[in-house]
N, C-alpha and C. Protein backbone atom coordinates (compact mmCIF):
# COMPACT_ATOMS: atom_id res chain seq x y z
N UNK A 1 -2.20 -12.95 1.41
CA UNK A 1 -0.85 -12.70 0.94
C UNK A 1 -0.37 -11.45 1.32
N UNK A 2 0.86 -11.30 1.87
CA UNK A 2 1.37 -10.02 2.24
C UNK A 2 2.59 -9.80 1.43
N UNK A 3 2.74 -8.63 0.63
CA UNK A 3 3.75 -8.32 -0.15
C UNK A 3 4.45 -7.06 0.48
N UNK A 4 5.80 -7.05 0.70
CA UNK A 4 6.46 -5.88 1.31
C UNK A 4 7.47 -5.39 0.10
N UNK A 5 7.28 -4.21 -0.07
CA UNK A 5 8.16 -3.60 -1.13
C UNK A 5 9.11 -2.50 -0.47
N UNK A 6 10.41 -2.88 -0.74
CA UNK A 6 11.51 -1.93 -0.01
C UNK A 6 12.45 -1.61 -1.14
N UNK A 7 13.14 -0.39 -0.93
CA UNK A 7 14.02 0.04 -1.97
C UNK A 7 14.46 1.44 -1.57
N UNK A 8 15.47 1.92 -2.28
CA UNK A 8 16.10 3.20 -2.08
C UNK A 8 15.03 4.35 -2.79
N UNK A 9 15.19 5.57 -2.23
CA UNK A 9 14.31 6.63 -2.86
C UNK A 9 14.52 6.71 -4.42
N UNK A 10 13.47 6.84 -5.16
CA UNK A 10 13.54 7.13 -6.53
C UNK A 10 13.75 5.83 -7.50
N UNK A 11 13.63 4.67 -6.82
CA UNK A 11 13.81 3.46 -7.43
C UNK A 11 12.43 2.93 -8.12
N UNK A 12 11.27 3.64 -7.92
CA UNK A 12 10.04 3.11 -8.71
C UNK A 12 9.14 2.28 -7.87
N UNK A 13 9.41 2.29 -6.49
CA UNK A 13 8.54 1.45 -5.60
C UNK A 13 7.03 1.77 -5.86
N UNK A 14 6.67 3.11 -5.73
CA UNK A 14 5.50 3.37 -5.73
C UNK A 14 4.60 3.09 -6.91
N UNK A 15 5.23 3.41 -8.22
CA UNK A 15 4.81 2.92 -9.41
C UNK A 15 4.64 1.33 -9.54
N UNK A 16 5.75 0.77 -9.15
CA UNK A 16 5.57 -0.72 -9.07
C UNK A 16 4.44 -1.28 -8.28
N UNK A 17 4.24 -0.78 -7.14
CA UNK A 17 3.13 -1.17 -6.22
C UNK A 17 1.65 -0.85 -7.10
N UNK A 18 1.59 0.23 -7.67
CA UNK A 18 0.34 0.54 -8.53
C UNK A 18 0.24 -0.48 -9.56
N UNK A 19 1.20 -0.85 -10.34
CA UNK A 19 1.29 -1.73 -11.46
C UNK A 19 0.86 -3.10 -10.78
N UNK A 20 1.48 -3.51 -9.83
CA UNK A 20 1.12 -4.92 -9.12
C UNK A 20 -0.27 -4.89 -8.67
N UNK A 21 -0.79 -3.85 -8.04
CA UNK A 21 -2.16 -3.79 -7.64
C UNK A 21 -3.16 -3.85 -8.75
N UNK A 22 -2.83 -3.17 -9.81
CA UNK A 22 -3.65 -3.37 -10.97
C UNK A 22 -3.66 -4.68 -11.65
N UNK A 23 -2.46 -5.24 -11.74
CA UNK A 23 -2.43 -6.70 -12.20
C UNK A 23 -3.23 -7.67 -11.36
N UNK A 24 -3.00 -7.61 -10.05
CA UNK A 24 -3.78 -8.43 -9.11
C UNK A 24 -5.26 -8.31 -9.15
N UNK A 25 -5.64 -7.03 -9.36
CA UNK A 25 -7.21 -6.93 -9.48
C UNK A 25 -7.64 -7.34 -10.81
N UNK A 26 -6.85 -7.23 -11.87
CA UNK A 26 -7.26 -7.78 -13.10
C UNK A 26 -7.33 -9.27 -13.08
N UNK A 27 -6.69 -9.99 -12.08
CA UNK A 27 -6.77 -11.46 -11.91
C UNK A 27 -8.07 -11.77 -11.10
N UNK A 28 -8.64 -10.82 -10.60
CA UNK A 28 -9.82 -10.99 -9.77
C UNK A 28 -9.50 -11.18 -8.32
N UNK A 29 -8.31 -10.59 -7.85
CA UNK A 29 -7.98 -10.69 -6.37
C UNK A 29 -8.39 -9.25 -5.77
N UNK A 30 -8.63 -9.41 -4.58
CA UNK A 30 -8.91 -8.06 -3.92
C UNK A 30 -7.64 -7.54 -3.21
N UNK A 31 -7.45 -6.26 -3.06
CA UNK A 31 -6.16 -5.61 -2.87
C UNK A 31 -6.36 -4.61 -1.71
N UNK A 32 -5.43 -4.46 -0.76
CA UNK A 32 -5.52 -3.37 0.15
C UNK A 32 -3.95 -2.98 0.32
N UNK A 33 -3.67 -1.59 0.13
CA UNK A 33 -2.32 -1.09 0.10
C UNK A 33 -2.25 -0.55 1.60
N UNK A 34 -0.84 -0.51 2.04
CA UNK A 34 -0.56 0.10 3.25
C UNK A 34 0.64 1.08 2.95
N UNK A 35 0.40 2.34 3.38
CA UNK A 35 1.45 3.37 3.21
C UNK A 35 2.30 3.40 4.16
N UNK A 36 3.29 2.49 4.18
CA UNK A 36 4.38 2.35 5.45
C UNK A 36 5.53 3.28 5.37
N UNK A 37 5.70 4.16 4.33
CA UNK A 37 6.91 5.04 4.17
C UNK A 37 6.41 6.35 4.89
N UNK A 38 6.36 6.32 6.12
CA UNK A 38 6.02 7.44 6.87
C UNK A 38 7.12 8.58 7.16
N UNK A 39 8.26 8.14 6.80
CA UNK A 39 9.45 9.17 6.85
C UNK A 39 9.39 10.14 5.85
N UNK A 40 8.58 9.95 4.76
CA UNK A 40 8.55 11.08 3.62
C UNK A 40 7.04 11.23 3.42
N UNK A 41 6.53 12.42 3.87
CA UNK A 41 5.09 12.61 3.65
C UNK A 41 4.60 12.53 2.27
N UNK A 42 5.44 12.81 1.12
CA UNK A 42 5.07 12.84 -0.20
C UNK A 42 4.85 11.35 -0.59
N UNK A 43 5.36 10.44 0.05
CA UNK A 43 5.36 9.04 -0.42
C UNK A 43 3.91 8.41 -0.03
N UNK A 44 3.24 8.94 1.07
CA UNK A 44 1.91 8.73 1.52
C UNK A 44 0.94 9.38 0.47
N UNK A 45 1.26 10.56 0.14
CA UNK A 45 0.44 11.23 -0.82
C UNK A 45 0.48 10.55 -2.23
N UNK A 46 1.61 10.17 -2.56
CA UNK A 46 1.82 9.51 -3.85
C UNK A 46 0.93 8.11 -3.92
N UNK A 47 1.17 7.35 -2.96
CA UNK A 47 0.57 6.10 -2.88
C UNK A 47 -1.00 6.16 -2.76
N UNK A 48 -1.40 7.25 -2.13
CA UNK A 48 -2.95 7.52 -1.99
C UNK A 48 -3.33 7.89 -3.37
N UNK A 49 -2.67 8.51 -4.25
CA UNK A 49 -3.12 8.87 -5.43
C UNK A 49 -3.26 7.67 -6.37
N UNK A 50 -2.29 6.83 -6.27
CA UNK A 50 -2.26 5.54 -7.05
C UNK A 50 -3.51 4.71 -6.53
N UNK A 51 -3.65 4.68 -5.15
CA UNK A 51 -4.75 3.86 -4.62
C UNK A 51 -6.10 4.42 -5.27
N UNK A 52 -6.23 5.66 -5.43
CA UNK A 52 -7.49 6.29 -5.92
C UNK A 52 -7.55 5.92 -7.51
N UNK A 53 -6.52 6.05 -8.15
CA UNK A 53 -6.46 5.70 -9.53
C UNK A 53 -6.80 4.27 -9.84
N UNK A 54 -6.38 3.37 -8.97
CA UNK A 54 -6.52 1.88 -9.24
C UNK A 54 -7.71 1.46 -8.55
N UNK A 55 -8.48 2.39 -7.74
CA UNK A 55 -9.70 1.93 -7.05
C UNK A 55 -9.38 0.89 -5.92
N UNK A 56 -8.31 1.15 -5.16
CA UNK A 56 -7.93 0.11 -4.26
C UNK A 56 -7.93 0.86 -2.96
N UNK A 57 -8.25 0.12 -1.91
CA UNK A 57 -8.30 0.47 -0.59
C UNK A 57 -6.95 0.82 -0.11
N UNK A 58 -6.72 1.72 0.89
CA UNK A 58 -5.47 2.05 1.33
C UNK A 58 -5.50 2.30 2.95
N UNK A 59 -4.54 2.02 3.59
CA UNK A 59 -4.37 2.25 5.07
C UNK A 59 -3.11 3.18 5.19
N UNK A 60 -3.18 4.23 5.82
CA UNK A 60 -2.25 5.30 5.95
C UNK A 60 -1.91 5.56 7.33
N UNK A 61 -0.67 5.95 7.55
CA UNK A 61 -0.22 6.35 8.94
C UNK A 61 0.07 7.89 8.85
N UNK A 62 0.43 8.42 9.91
CA UNK A 62 0.82 9.85 9.91
C UNK A 62 2.23 10.01 9.52
N UNK A 63 2.54 11.16 8.92
CA UNK A 63 4.01 11.42 8.55
C UNK A 63 4.83 11.47 9.78
N UNK A 64 5.97 10.70 9.78
CA UNK A 64 6.72 10.55 10.94
C UNK A 64 6.37 9.48 12.00
N UNK A 65 5.13 8.89 11.49
CA UNK A 65 4.67 7.74 12.49
C UNK A 65 5.48 6.46 12.46
N UNK A 66 4.93 5.56 13.12
CA UNK A 66 5.72 4.20 13.21
C UNK A 66 5.38 3.29 11.93
N UNK A 67 6.23 3.03 11.06
CA UNK A 67 5.93 2.29 9.90
C UNK A 67 5.49 0.81 10.18
N UNK A 68 5.90 0.26 11.25
CA UNK A 68 5.54 -1.05 11.64
C UNK A 68 4.18 -1.03 12.17
N UNK A 69 3.63 0.02 12.79
CA UNK A 69 2.22 0.15 13.16
C UNK A 69 1.34 0.24 11.93
N UNK A 70 1.85 0.95 10.87
CA UNK A 70 1.02 0.97 9.55
C UNK A 70 0.92 -0.43 8.99
N UNK A 71 2.01 -1.05 9.05
CA UNK A 71 2.04 -2.40 8.40
C UNK A 71 1.10 -3.44 9.15
N UNK A 72 1.07 -3.28 10.64
CA UNK A 72 0.18 -4.01 11.37
C UNK A 72 -1.11 -3.73 11.00
N UNK A 73 -1.51 -2.44 10.99
CA UNK A 73 -2.98 -1.99 10.79
C UNK A 73 -3.38 -2.37 9.31
N UNK A 74 -2.50 -2.29 8.30
CA UNK A 74 -2.84 -2.75 6.92
C UNK A 74 -3.08 -4.22 6.85
N UNK A 75 -2.36 -5.11 7.57
CA UNK A 75 -2.61 -6.45 7.50
C UNK A 75 -3.95 -6.85 8.23
N UNK A 76 -4.06 -6.14 9.53
CA UNK A 76 -5.34 -6.37 10.21
C UNK A 76 -6.55 -5.99 9.51
N UNK A 77 -6.43 -4.85 8.80
CA UNK A 77 -7.60 -4.31 7.86
C UNK A 77 -7.85 -5.22 6.72
N UNK A 78 -6.77 -5.76 6.08
CA UNK A 78 -6.91 -6.60 5.04
C UNK A 78 -7.64 -7.91 5.47
N UNK A 79 -7.38 -8.52 6.68
CA UNK A 79 -8.08 -9.65 7.06
C UNK A 79 -9.43 -9.25 7.59
N UNK A 80 -9.60 -8.11 8.20
CA UNK A 80 -11.03 -7.82 8.58
C UNK A 80 -12.06 -7.39 7.25
N UNK A 81 -11.41 -6.99 6.36
CA UNK A 81 -12.10 -6.69 5.11
C UNK A 81 -12.20 -7.82 4.16
N UNK A 82 -11.46 -9.06 4.56
CA UNK A 82 -11.46 -10.03 3.57
C UNK A 82 -10.84 -9.86 2.31
N UNK A 83 -9.60 -9.11 2.30
CA UNK A 83 -8.80 -9.00 1.03
C UNK A 83 -7.92 -10.04 0.84
N UNK A 84 -7.58 -10.21 -0.39
CA UNK A 84 -6.71 -11.34 -0.75
C UNK A 84 -5.33 -11.05 -0.55
N UNK A 85 -4.92 -9.74 -0.86
CA UNK A 85 -3.45 -9.28 -0.87
C UNK A 85 -3.36 -8.02 -0.12
N UNK A 86 -2.36 -7.95 0.59
CA UNK A 86 -2.16 -6.75 1.38
C UNK A 86 -0.66 -6.20 0.95
C-alpha cells in the first residue's frame, strides 16, 4: 500500500504521518517513510526525527532534489524490504 500525503505548509502533514506510522505499526504492519518534500530542507529533518522516534525506516532525498525520484526510491525500497506500507 502506498499513501501519499499532500498539503500546504503548516497543516500538520509530518505529525499526521508520524501518527499514521505509529498506528499502522501497532496493527502489526511494517512501514517505510519517504521524505519527498525536498523543497524545504527542514521537512526532511522533521520526518527523519519522527522516523527515529517511531522506529520506522525512511528514504530521503537531497534538499532541492527531485521529489518524484524520492517517491520512486521509497516504493522500490518498500518492495525490496518487504514492507506493507510506504
